[in-house]
Amino acid sequence: MLDLDGLNPRVQGVVLNTPGARELLANLADYADLPAGPSRIAIGCAGGRHRASGLTELLAHELRSRGREVEVEHLHIHLPRVLKTPNLQAEQETTR
């Protein structure tokens, strides 16, 4: 899964099943559907390959199903995934 990105339905499924994601998606779609709603919505996360791009694709799909014209631009989906750095404090404690 880590080598996939938010364009993949499996990743979108995981994102959608994250606690609070369905409510966030519904709120964003309702907000975008308002007469004076935003012309742009930006979604971000740590790396931009999984959560942000997955949620963006899900939101675009929902808005299109409501008859809205949507243009999606992923800024970081092509970048390598962000690797976590080890906790230096824990590492230092174990070497003492």
Protein backbone atom coordinates (compact mmCIF):
# COMPACT_ATOMS: atom_id res chain seq x y z
CA MET A 1 0.00 0.00 0.00
CA LEU A 2 2.82 2.44 0.78
CA ASP A 3 4.02 2.42 -2.83
CA LEU A 4 0.53 3.25 -4.13
CA ASP A 5 -0.93 6.75 -4.20
CA GLY A 6 -4.29 8.38 -3.63
CA LEU A 7 -5.42 7.68 -7.19
CA ASN A 8 -5.64 3.99 -6.27
CA PRO A 9 -9.09 2.82 -5.03
CA ARG A 10 -7.46 0.76 -2.25
CA VAL A 11 -5.78 3.86 -0.84
CA GLN A 12 -9.02 5.83 -1.18
CA GLY A 13 -10.83 3.10 0.77
CA VAL A 14 -8.32 3.31 3.61
CA VAL A 15 -8.55 7.12 3.63
CA LEU A 16 -12.35 7.01 3.63
CA ASN A 17 -12.36 4.61 6.58
CA THR A 18 -10.12 6.87 8.68
CA PRO A 19 -12.11 8.19 11.66
CA GLY A 20 -13.69 11.53 10.74
CA ALA A 21 -12.93 11.28 7.02
CA ARG A 22 -16.53 10.69 5.89
CA GLU A 23 -17.76 13.65 7.92
CA LEU A 24 -14.96 15.86 6.58
CA LEU A 25 -15.72 14.79 3.02
CA ALA A 26 -19.46 15.52 3.45
CA ASN A 27 -18.74 18.93 5.02
CA LEU A 28 -16.31 19.90 2.25
CA ALA A 29 -18.75 18.81 -0.46
CA ASP A 30 -21.63 20.75 1.16
CA TYR A 31 -19.39 23.80 1.56
CA ALA A 32 -18.28 23.66 -2.08
CA ASP A 33 -21.91 23.32 -3.15
CA LEU A 34 -22.99 26.60 -1.52
CA PRO A 35 -23.93 29.41 -3.95
CA ALA A 36 -21.10 31.56 -2.57
CA GLY A 37 -18.86 28.56 -1.94
CA PRO A 38 -15.16 28.46 -2.67
CA SER A 39 -13.73 28.33 -6.16
CA ARG A 40 -10.77 26.31 -4.82
CA ILE A 41 -10.22 23.84 -2.01
CA ALA A 42 -6.73 22.83 -0.96
CA ILE A 43 -6.12 19.61 0.98
CA GLY A 44 -2.75 18.74 2.42
CA CYS A 45 -0.99 16.12 4.52
CA ALA A 46 2.58 15.20 5.43
CA GLY A 47 3.60 13.79 2.06
CA GLY A 48 0.72 14.43 -0.34
CA ARG A 49 0.78 10.94 -1.84
CA HIS A 50 -1.91 9.13 0.16
CA ARG A 51 -4.33 11.02 2.42
CA ALA A 52 -4.44 14.38 0.64
CA SER A 53 -4.59 12.96 -2.87
CA GLY A 54 -7.05 10.23 -1.87
CA LEU A 55 -9.40 12.67 -0.15
CA THR A 56 -9.08 15.08 -3.08
CA GLU A 57 -10.11 12.36 -5.54
CA LEU A 58 -13.04 11.32 -3.33
CA LEU A 59 -14.19 14.95 -3.02
CA ALA A 60 -13.91 15.50 -6.77
CA HIS A 61 -15.98 12.37 -7.40
CA GLU A 62 -18.67 13.54 -4.95
CA LEU A 63 -18.85 17.01 -6.46
CA ARG A 64 -19.04 15.63 -9.99
CA SER A 65 -21.91 13.38 -8.89
CA ARG A 66 -23.66 16.60 -7.77
CA GLY A 67 -23.23 18.06 -11.25
CA ARG A 68 -20.29 20.33 -10.45
CA GLU A 69 -17.39 20.84 -12.83
CA VAL A 70 -14.17 19.95 -11.02
CA GLU A 71 -10.52 20.32 -11.94
CA VAL A 72 -7.99 18.45 -9.78
CA GLU A 73 -4.32 19.30 -9.43
CA HIS A 74 -2.03 17.12 -7.31
CA LEU A 75 1.14 18.97 -6.36
CA HIS A 76 3.07 16.23 -4.56
CA ILE A 77 1.67 12.89 -5.68
CA HIS A 78 4.66 12.27 -7.97
CA LEU A 79 7.22 12.76 -5.20
CA PRO A 80 8.79 9.87 -3.26
CA ARG A 81 6.95 9.02 -0.06
CA VAL A 82 8.09 10.67 3.13
CA LEU A 83 10.00 8.32 5.40
CA LYS A 84 9.76 8.69 9.15
CA THR A 85 13.00 9.50 10.90
CA PRO A 86 13.83 7.49 14.00
CA ASN A 87 13.18 9.07 17.36
CA LEU A 88 16.63 10.33 18.31
CA GLN A 89 15.83 10.67 22.01
CA ALA A 90 14.66 7.06 22.27
CA GLU A 91 17.72 5.97 20.33
CA GLN A 92 20.02 7.87 22.67
CA GLU A 93 18.34 6.36 25.76
CA THR A 94 18.82 2.81 24.48
CA THR A 95 22.53 3.37 23.83
CA ARG A 96 23.19 4.57 27.41
